[in-house]
């Protein structure tokens, strides 16, 4: 289990839920498959009012993951 701050907990759980939804190419991960996102949000019963914020947070974590991956590949 990972420890999170209360204001980031939902976003971290969403990122972990999406962790099997990476698209990959010859150079590795290219980004998350957003087609799965509505299903995950529905399964987790995320209120509509929170979805835009959580999507923004998810994108921050996605971009950071891709940035770290690119640095490690060099």
PDB file of N, CA and C in Angstrom:
ATOM      1  N   UNK A   1       0.852  -1.184   0.000  1.00  0.00           N
ATOM      2  CA  UNK A   1       0.000   0.000   0.000  1.00  0.00           C
ATOM      3  C   UNK A   1       0.895   1.243   0.000  1.00  0.00           C
ATOM      4  N   UNK A   2       0.470   2.222  -0.737  1.00  0.00           N
ATOM      5  CA  UNK A   2       1.201   3.483  -0.756  1.00  0.00           C
ATOM      6  C   UNK A   2       0.430   4.530   0.043  1.00  0.00           C
ATOM      7  N   UNK A   3       1.188   5.389   0.658  1.00  0.00           N
ATOM      8  CA  UNK A   3       0.596   6.462   1.438  1.00  0.00           C
ATOM      9  C   UNK A   3       0.411   7.676   0.530  1.00  0.00           C
ATOM     10  N   UNK A   4      -0.758   8.275   0.591  1.00  0.00           N
ATOM     11  CA  UNK A   4      -1.043   9.457  -0.226  1.00  0.00           C
ATOM     12  C   UNK A   4      -1.657  10.539   0.650  1.00  0.00           C
ATOM     13  N   UNK A   5      -1.578  11.750   0.149  1.00  0.00           N
ATOM     14  CA  UNK A   5      -2.283  12.844   0.814  1.00  0.00           C
ATOM     15  C   UNK A   5      -3.763  12.718   0.468  1.00  0.00           C
ATOM     16  N   UNK A   6      -4.639  13.128   1.362  1.00  0.00           N
ATOM     17  CA  UNK A   6      -6.074  12.999   1.100  1.00  0.00           C
ATOM     18  C   UNK A   6      -6.526  13.668  -0.204  1.00  0.00           C
ATOM     19  N   UNK A   7      -5.930  14.812  -0.551  1.00  0.00           N
ATOM     20  CA  UNK A   7      -6.374  15.514  -1.757  1.00  0.00           C
ATOM     21  C   UNK A   7      -5.856  14.877  -3.041  1.00  0.00           C
ATOM     22  N   UNK A   8      -4.929  13.924  -2.952  1.00  0.00           N
ATOM     23  CA  UNK A   8      -4.428  13.248  -4.157  1.00  0.00           C
ATOM     24  C   UNK A   8      -4.815  11.771  -4.213  1.00  0.00           C
ATOM     25  N   UNK A   9      -5.439  11.291  -3.164  1.00  0.00           N
ATOM     26  CA  UNK A   9      -5.735   9.855  -3.064  1.00  0.00           C
ATOM     27  C   UNK A   9      -6.568   9.340  -4.235  1.00  0.00           C
ATOM     28  N   UNK A  10      -7.628  10.025  -4.586  1.00  0.00           N
ATOM     29  CA  UNK A  10      -8.488   9.560  -5.675  1.00  0.00           C
ATOM     30  C   UNK A  10      -7.732   9.520  -7.005  1.00  0.00           C
ATOM     31  N   UNK A  11      -6.903  10.512  -7.269  1.00  0.00           N
ATOM     32  CA  UNK A  11      -6.130  10.550  -8.513  1.00  0.00           C
ATOM     33  C   UNK A  11      -5.099   9.431  -8.557  1.00  0.00           C
ATOM     34  N   UNK A  12      -4.450   9.158  -7.436  1.00  0.00           N
ATOM     35  CA  UNK A  12      -3.466   8.075  -7.388  1.00  0.00           C
ATOM     36  C   UNK A  12      -4.151   6.737  -7.633  1.00  0.00           C
ATOM     37  N   UNK A  13      -5.292   6.527  -7.020  1.00  0.00           N
ATOM     38  CA  UNK A  13      -6.026   5.276  -7.235  1.00  0.00           C
ATOM     39  C   UNK A  13      -6.472   5.148  -8.690  1.00  0.00           C
ATOM     40  N   UNK A  14      -6.893   6.246  -9.285  1.00  0.00           N
ATOM     41  CA  UNK A  14      -7.280   6.219 -10.689  1.00  0.00           C
ATOM     42  C   UNK A  14      -6.077   5.867 -11.570  1.00  0.00           C
ATOM     43  N   UNK A  15      -4.934   6.460 -11.292  1.00  0.00           N
ATOM     44  CA  UNK A  15      -3.713   6.157 -12.040  1.00  0.00           C
ATOM     45  C   UNK A  15      -3.359   4.673 -11.903  1.00  0.00           C
ATOM     46  N   UNK A  16      -3.456   4.140 -10.706  1.00  0.00           N
ATOM     47  CA  UNK A  16      -3.172   2.721 -10.496  1.00  0.00           C
ATOM     48  C   UNK A  16      -4.198   1.839 -11.210  1.00  0.00           C
ATOM     49  N   UNK A  17      -5.457   2.242 -11.184  1.00  0.00           N
ATOM     50  CA  UNK A  17      -6.491   1.494 -11.906  1.00  0.00           C
ATOM     51  C   UNK A  17      -6.228   1.468 -13.413  1.00  0.00           C
ATOM     52  N   UNK A  18      -5.643   2.537 -13.916  1.00  0.00           N
ATOM     53  CA  UNK A  18      -5.349   2.636 -15.351  1.00  0.00           C
ATOM     54  C   UNK A  18      -3.984   2.042 -15.715  1.00  0.00           C
ATOM     55  N   UNK A  19      -3.283   1.498 -14.743  1.00  0.00           N
ATOM     56  CA  UNK A  19      -1.903   1.054 -14.980  1.00  0.00           C
ATOM     57  C   UNK A  19      -1.776  -0.086 -15.986  1.00  0.00           C
ATOM     58  N   UNK A  20      -2.855  -0.761 -16.285  1.00  0.00           N
ATOM     59  CA  UNK A  20      -2.815  -1.818 -17.308  1.00  0.00           C
ATOM     60  C   UNK A  20      -3.245  -1.304 -18.676  1.00  0.00           C
ATOM     61  N   UNK A  21      -3.457  -0.016 -18.788  1.00  0.00           N
ATOM     62  CA  UNK A  21      -4.006   0.551 -20.023  1.00  0.00           C
ATOM     63  C   UNK A  21      -3.002   1.394 -20.806  1.00  0.00           C
ATOM     64  N   UNK A  22      -1.711   1.077 -20.671  1.00  0.00           N
ATOM     65  CA  UNK A  22      -0.695   1.817 -21.413  1.00  0.00           C
ATOM     66  C   UNK A  22      -0.667   1.375 -22.866  1.00  0.00           C
ATOM     67  N   UNK A  23      -0.584   2.342 -23.762  1.00  0.00           N
ATOM     68  CA  UNK A  23      -0.322   2.044 -25.172  1.00  0.00           C
ATOM     69  C   UNK A  23       1.189   2.024 -25.342  1.00  0.00           C
ATOM     70  N   UNK A  24       1.673   1.124 -26.149  1.00  0.00           N
ATOM     71  CA  UNK A  24       3.117   0.995 -26.341  1.00  0.00           C
ATOM     72  C   UNK A  24       3.463   0.972 -27.812  1.00  0.00           C
ATOM     73  N   UNK A  25       4.658   1.464 -28.105  1.00  0.00           N
ATOM     74  CA  UNK A  25       5.202   1.432 -29.452  1.00  0.00           C
ATOM     75  C   UNK A  25       6.612   0.878 -29.389  1.00  0.00           C
ATOM     76  N   UNK A  26       7.353   1.040 -30.462  1.00  0.00           N
ATOM     77  CA  UNK A  26       8.712   0.513 -30.513  1.00  0.00           C
ATOM     78  C   UNK A  26       9.626   1.152 -29.470  1.00  0.00           C
ATOM     79  N   UNK A  27       9.332   2.371 -29.082  1.00  0.00           N
ATOM     80  CA  UNK A  27      10.180   3.063 -28.107  1.00  0.00           C
ATOM     81  C   UNK A  27       9.647   2.950 -26.674  1.00  0.00           C
ATOM     82  N   UNK A  28       8.655   2.114 -26.463  1.00  0.00           N
ATOM     83  CA  UNK A  28       8.092   1.941 -25.128  1.00  0.00           C
ATOM     84  C   UNK A  28       6.701   2.539 -25.013  1.00  0.00           C
ATOM     85  N   UNK A  29       6.350   2.938 -23.809  1.00  0.00           N
ATOM     86  CA  UNK A  29       5.023   3.500 -23.568  1.00  0.00           C
ATOM     87  C   UNK A  29       4.852   4.809 -24.327  1.00  0.00           C
ATOM     88  N   UNK A  30       3.651   4.990 -24.860  1.00  0.00           N
ATOM     89  CA  UNK A  30       3.356   6.229 -25.579  1.00  0.00           C
ATOM     90  C   UNK A  30       2.264   7.045 -24.901  1.00  0.00           C
ATOM     91  N   UNK A  31       1.554   6.447 -23.976  1.00  0.00           N
ATOM     92  CA  UNK A  31       0.496   7.150 -23.256  1.00  0.00           C
ATOM     93  C   UNK A  31      -0.578   6.175 -22.826  1.00  0.00           C
ATOM     94  N   UNK A  32      -1.477   6.657 -22.009  1.00  0.00           N
ATOM     95  CA  UNK A  32      -2.582   5.826 -21.545  1.00  0.00           C
ATOM     96  C   UNK A  32      -3.669   5.735 -22.605  1.00  0.00           C
ATOM     97  N   UNK A  33      -4.356   4.619 -22.621  1.00  0.00           N
ATOM     98  CA  UNK A  33      -5.488   4.418 -23.527  1.00  0.00           C
ATOM     99  C   UNK A  33      -6.728   5.012 -22.853  1.00  0.00           C
ATOM    100  N   UNK A  34      -7.076   6.221 -23.259  1.00  0.00           N
ATOM    101  CA  UNK A  34      -8.194   6.922 -22.629  1.00  0.00           C
ATOM    102  C   UNK A  34      -9.548   6.283 -22.924  1.00  0.00           C
ATOM    103  N   UNK A  35      -9.608   5.369 -23.883  1.00  0.00           N
ATOM    104  CA  UNK A  35     -10.878   4.689 -24.176  1.00  0.00           C
ATOM    105  C   UNK A  35     -11.367   3.892 -22.970  1.00  0.00           C
ATOM    106  N   UNK A  36     -10.428   3.439 -22.129  1.00  0.00           N
ATOM    107  CA  UNK A  36     -10.796   2.675 -20.937  1.00  0.00           C
ATOM    108  C   UNK A  36     -11.228   3.566 -19.777  1.00  0.00           C
ATOM    109  N   UNK A  37     -10.894   4.826 -19.836  1.00  0.00           N
ATOM    110  CA  UNK A  37     -11.127   5.726 -18.700  1.00  0.00           C
ATOM    111  C   UNK A  37     -12.594   5.834 -18.283  1.00  0.00           C
ATOM    112  N   UNK A  38     -13.557   6.020 -19.193  1.00  0.00           N
ATOM    113  CA  UNK A  38     -14.955   6.117 -18.745  1.00  0.00           C
ATOM    114  C   UNK A  38     -15.428   4.872 -17.988  1.00  0.00           C
ATOM    115  N   UNK A  39     -14.981   3.703 -18.426  1.00  0.00           N
ATOM    116  CA  UNK A  39     -15.362   2.466 -17.742  1.00  0.00           C
ATOM    117  C   UNK A  39     -14.801   2.440 -16.328  1.00  0.00           C
ATOM    118  N   UNK A  40     -13.534   2.820 -16.175  1.00  0.00           N
ATOM    119  CA  UNK A  40     -12.904   2.844 -14.854  1.00  0.00           C
ATOM    120  C   UNK A  40     -13.615   3.854 -13.950  1.00  0.00           C
ATOM    121  N   UNK A  41     -13.885   5.036 -14.488  1.00  0.00           N
ATOM    122  CA  UNK A  41     -14.579   6.057 -13.689  1.00  0.00           C
ATOM    123  C   UNK A  41     -15.952   5.567 -13.249  1.00  0.00           C
ATOM    124  N   UNK A  42     -16.672   4.889 -14.147  1.00  0.00           N
ATOM    125  CA  UNK A  42     -17.988   4.351 -13.803  1.00  0.00           C
ATOM    126  C   UNK A  42     -17.885   3.240 -12.761  1.00  0.00           C
ATOM    127  N   UNK A  43     -16.935   2.326 -12.947  1.00  0.00           N
ATOM    128  CA  UNK A  43     -16.768   1.224 -11.995  1.00  0.00           C
ATOM    129  C   UNK A  43     -16.399   1.714 -10.600  1.00  0.00           C
ATOM    130  N   UNK A  44     -15.656   2.794 -10.528  1.00  0.00           N
ATOM    131  CA  UNK A  44     -15.258   3.370  -9.248  1.00  0.00           C
ATOM    132  C   UNK A  44     -16.276   4.376  -8.720  1.00  0.00           C
ATOM    133  N   UNK A  45     -17.365   4.553  -9.453  1.00  0.00           N
ATOM    134  CA  UNK A  45     -18.452   5.467  -9.056  1.00  0.00           C
ATOM    135  C   UNK A  45     -17.936   6.870  -8.766  1.00  0.00           C
ATOM    136  N   UNK A  46     -17.068   7.358  -9.651  1.00  0.00           N
ATOM    137  CA  UNK A  46     -16.524   8.715  -9.513  1.00  0.00           C
ATOM    138  C   UNK A  46     -17.605   9.704  -9.946  1.00  0.00           C
ATOM    139  N   UNK A  47     -17.981  10.642  -9.090  1.00  0.00           N
ATOM    140  CA  UNK A  47     -19.014  11.620  -9.444  1.00  0.00           C
ATOM    141  C   UNK A  47     -18.589  12.478 -10.647  1.00  0.00           C
ATOM    142  N   UNK A  48     -19.541  12.841 -11.455  1.00  0.00           N
ATOM    143  CA  UNK A  48     -19.277  13.653 -12.649  1.00  0.00           C
ATOM    144  C   UNK A  48     -18.554  14.946 -12.297  1.00  0.00           C
ATOM    145  N   UNK A  49     -18.867  15.516 -11.166  1.00  0.00           N
ATOM    146  CA  UNK A  49     -18.253  16.786 -10.752  1.00  0.00           C
ATOM    147  C   UNK A  49     -16.758  16.657 -10.503  1.00  0.00           C
ATOM    148  N   UNK A  50     -16.275  15.446 -10.227  1.00  0.00           N
ATOM    149  CA  UNK A  50     -14.853  15.233  -9.924  1.00  0.00           C
ATOM    150  C   UNK A  50     -14.037  14.764 -11.128  1.00  0.00           C
ATOM    151  N   UNK A  51     -14.690  14.375 -12.191  1.00  0.00           N
ATOM    152  CA  UNK A  51     -14.002  13.714 -13.298  1.00  0.00           C
ATOM    153  C   UNK A  51     -13.014  14.602 -14.038  1.00  0.00           C
ATOM    154  N   UNK A  52     -13.338  15.844 -14.268  1.00  0.00           N
ATOM    155  CA  UNK A  52     -12.419  16.723 -14.992  1.00  0.00           C
ATOM    156  C   UNK A  52     -11.134  16.935 -14.202  1.00  0.00           C
ATOM    157  N   UNK A  53     -11.259  17.182 -12.910  1.00  0.00           N
ATOM    158  CA  UNK A  53     -10.085  17.367 -12.058  1.00  0.00           C
ATOM    159  C   UNK A  53      -9.234  16.105 -12.018  1.00  0.00           C
ATOM    160  N   UNK A  54      -9.883  14.965 -11.881  1.00  0.00           N
ATOM    161  CA  UNK A  54      -9.138  13.707 -11.828  1.00  0.00           C
ATOM    162  C   UNK A  54      -8.456  13.406 -13.158  1.00  0.00           C
ATOM    163  N   UNK A  55      -9.102  13.751 -14.262  1.00  0.00           N
ATOM    164  CA  UNK A  55      -8.476  13.563 -15.569  1.00  0.00           C
ATOM    165  C   UNK A  55      -7.229  14.438 -15.682  1.00  0.00           C
ATOM    166  N   UNK A  56      -7.328  15.667 -15.237  1.00  0.00           N
ATOM    167  CA  UNK A  56      -6.159  16.561 -15.249  1.00  0.00           C
ATOM    168  C   UNK A  56      -5.026  15.992 -14.397  1.00  0.00           C
ATOM    169  N   UNK A  57      -5.353  15.494 -13.220  1.00  0.00           N
ATOM    170  CA  UNK A  57      -4.348  14.895 -12.343  1.00  0.00           C
ATOM    171  C   UNK A  57      -3.743  13.642 -12.972  1.00  0.00           C
ATOM    172  N   UNK A  58      -4.575  12.842 -13.589  1.00  0.00           N
ATOM    173  CA  UNK A  58      -4.106  11.636 -14.271  1.00  0.00           C
ATOM    174  C   UNK A  58      -3.110  11.992 -15.368  1.00  0.00           C
ATOM    175  N   UNK A  59      -3.405  13.030 -16.132  1.00  0.00           N
ATOM    176  CA  UNK A  59      -2.510  13.450 -17.205  1.00  0.00           C
ATOM    177  C   UNK A  59      -1.163  13.918 -16.671  1.00  0.00           C
ATOM    178  N   UNK A  60      -1.155  14.583 -15.525  1.00  0.00           N
ATOM    179  CA  UNK A  60       0.110  15.009 -14.914  1.00  0.00           C
ATOM    180  C   UNK A  60       0.957  13.781 -14.590  1.00  0.00           C
ATOM    181  N   UNK A  61       0.345  12.773 -13.982  1.00  0.00           N
ATOM    182  CA  UNK A  61       1.086  11.559 -13.636  1.00  0.00           C
ATOM    183  C   UNK A  61       1.537  10.800 -14.886  1.00  0.00           C
ATOM    184  N   UNK A  62       0.692  10.792 -15.899  1.00  0.00           N
ATOM    185  CA  UNK A  62       1.043  10.144 -17.165  1.00  0.00           C
ATOM    186  C   UNK A  62       2.256  10.827 -17.808  1.00  0.00           C
ATOM    187  N   UNK A  63       2.226  12.139 -17.890  1.00  0.00           N
ATOM    188  CA  UNK A  63       3.324  12.888 -18.501  1.00  0.00           C
ATOM    189  C   UNK A  63       4.612  12.696 -17.711  1.00  0.00           C
ATOM    190  N   UNK A  64       4.516  12.707 -16.387  1.00  0.00           N
ATOM    191  CA  UNK A  64       5.702  12.499 -15.558  1.00  0.00           C
ATOM    192  C   UNK A  64       6.273  11.095 -15.763  1.00  0.00           C
ATOM    193  N   UNK A  65       5.415  10.116 -15.854  1.00  0.00           N
ATOM    194  CA  UNK A  65       5.850   8.737 -16.099  1.00  0.00           C
ATOM    195  C   UNK A  65       6.576   8.644 -17.443  1.00  0.00           C
ATOM    196  N   UNK A  66       6.008   9.251 -18.475  1.00  0.00           N
ATOM    197  CA  UNK A  66       6.635   9.218 -19.799  1.00  0.00           C
ATOM    198  C   UNK A  66       7.960   9.970 -19.803  1.00  0.00           C
ATOM    199  N   UNK A  67       8.028  11.073 -19.076  1.00  0.00           N
ATOM    200  CA  UNK A  67       9.269  11.852 -18.985  1.00  0.00           C
ATOM    201  C   UNK A  67      10.365  11.032 -18.291  1.00  0.00           C
ATOM    202  N   UNK A  68      10.014  10.381 -17.182  1.00  0.00           N
ATOM    203  CA  UNK A  68      10.990   9.554 -16.482  1.00  0.00           C
ATOM    204  C   UNK A  68      11.445   8.374 -17.339  1.00  0.00           C
ATOM    205  N   UNK A  69      10.501   7.790 -18.052  1.00  0.00           N
ATOM    206  CA  UNK A  69      10.843   6.682 -18.947  1.00  0.00           C
ATOM    207  C   UNK A  69      11.833   7.123 -20.017  1.00  0.00           C
ATOM    208  N   UNK A  70      11.615   8.296 -20.586  1.00  0.00           N
ATOM    209  CA  UNK A  70      12.502   8.808 -21.622  1.00  0.00           C
ATOM    210  C   UNK A  70      13.905   9.078 -21.060  1.00  0.00           C
ATOM    211  N   UNK A  71      13.976   9.602 -19.840  1.00  0.00           N
ATOM    212  CA  UNK A  71      15.265   9.864 -19.199  1.00  0.00           C
ATOM    213  C   UNK A  71      16.011   8.550 -18.931  1.00  0.00           C
ATOM    214  N   UNK A  72      15.288   7.537 -18.484  1.00  0.00           N
ATOM    215  CA  UNK A  72      15.903   6.243 -18.198  1.00  0.00           C
ATOM    216  C   UNK A  72      16.385   5.552 -19.469  1.00  0.00           C
ATOM    217  N   UNK A  73      15.740   5.825 -20.590  1.00  0.00           N
ATOM    218  CA  UNK A  73      16.108   5.197 -21.854  1.00  0.00           C
ATOM    219  C   UNK A  73      17.390   5.775 -22.416  1.00  0.00           C
ATOM    220  N   UNK A  74      17.763   6.977 -21.996  1.00  0.00           N
ATOM    221  CA  UNK A  74      18.967   7.636 -22.533  1.00  0.00           C
ATOM    222  C   UNK A  74      20.215   7.130 -21.896  1.00  0.00           C
TER     223      UNK A  74
END
